[in-house]
Each structure stands twice: as C-alpha cells, then as structure tokens.
Amino acid sequence: MRDRSHWPVRKKQLHDPEPDDDLRDVPPGELMAMVWPITVTTWAFMGEPVGESRLQRHTVSILRGKR
C-alpha cells in the first residue's frame, strides 16, 4: 500500500466558491489509473467477471465484387 501521509488534504464545504481545479492538469492516463482499481472492485462486488472484456474484438473483412 502507498504512503499517503504526504498528500495534501483540504476540508471543503458545499457552499465554498472555490472550484475543484485539483485534477485540471492531470493527464487522462493518470486519471484512468486513479479510478481503475475502484472500477475493478465495483464490478467484482456486483459479481461480474472482471478479467473479461465486454467489448467484442472480432475482426471482419467485407470483400465486394466489382460493380
């Protein structure tokens, strides 16, 4: 487990006018890495197979004759 003792922590109220700019400069790959463990845990909790892709990966070629 990672040591999170050095991470900055702020307590905010719902009515605080300050916008959440914490993740504005984080690249999309890092954002995905942040939420992926939560996603896997959630799918496992729901009883869904985690290791299988739900997208079809079939490749199809259509060859048509001359018109």
Foldseek 3Di string as FASTA:
>chain_A
DDDCPPPDDDDDDPPDPDDPCPCVPPDPVVVCVVCVVVVLVVCVVVVHDRPDDPDDDDDDDDDDDDD
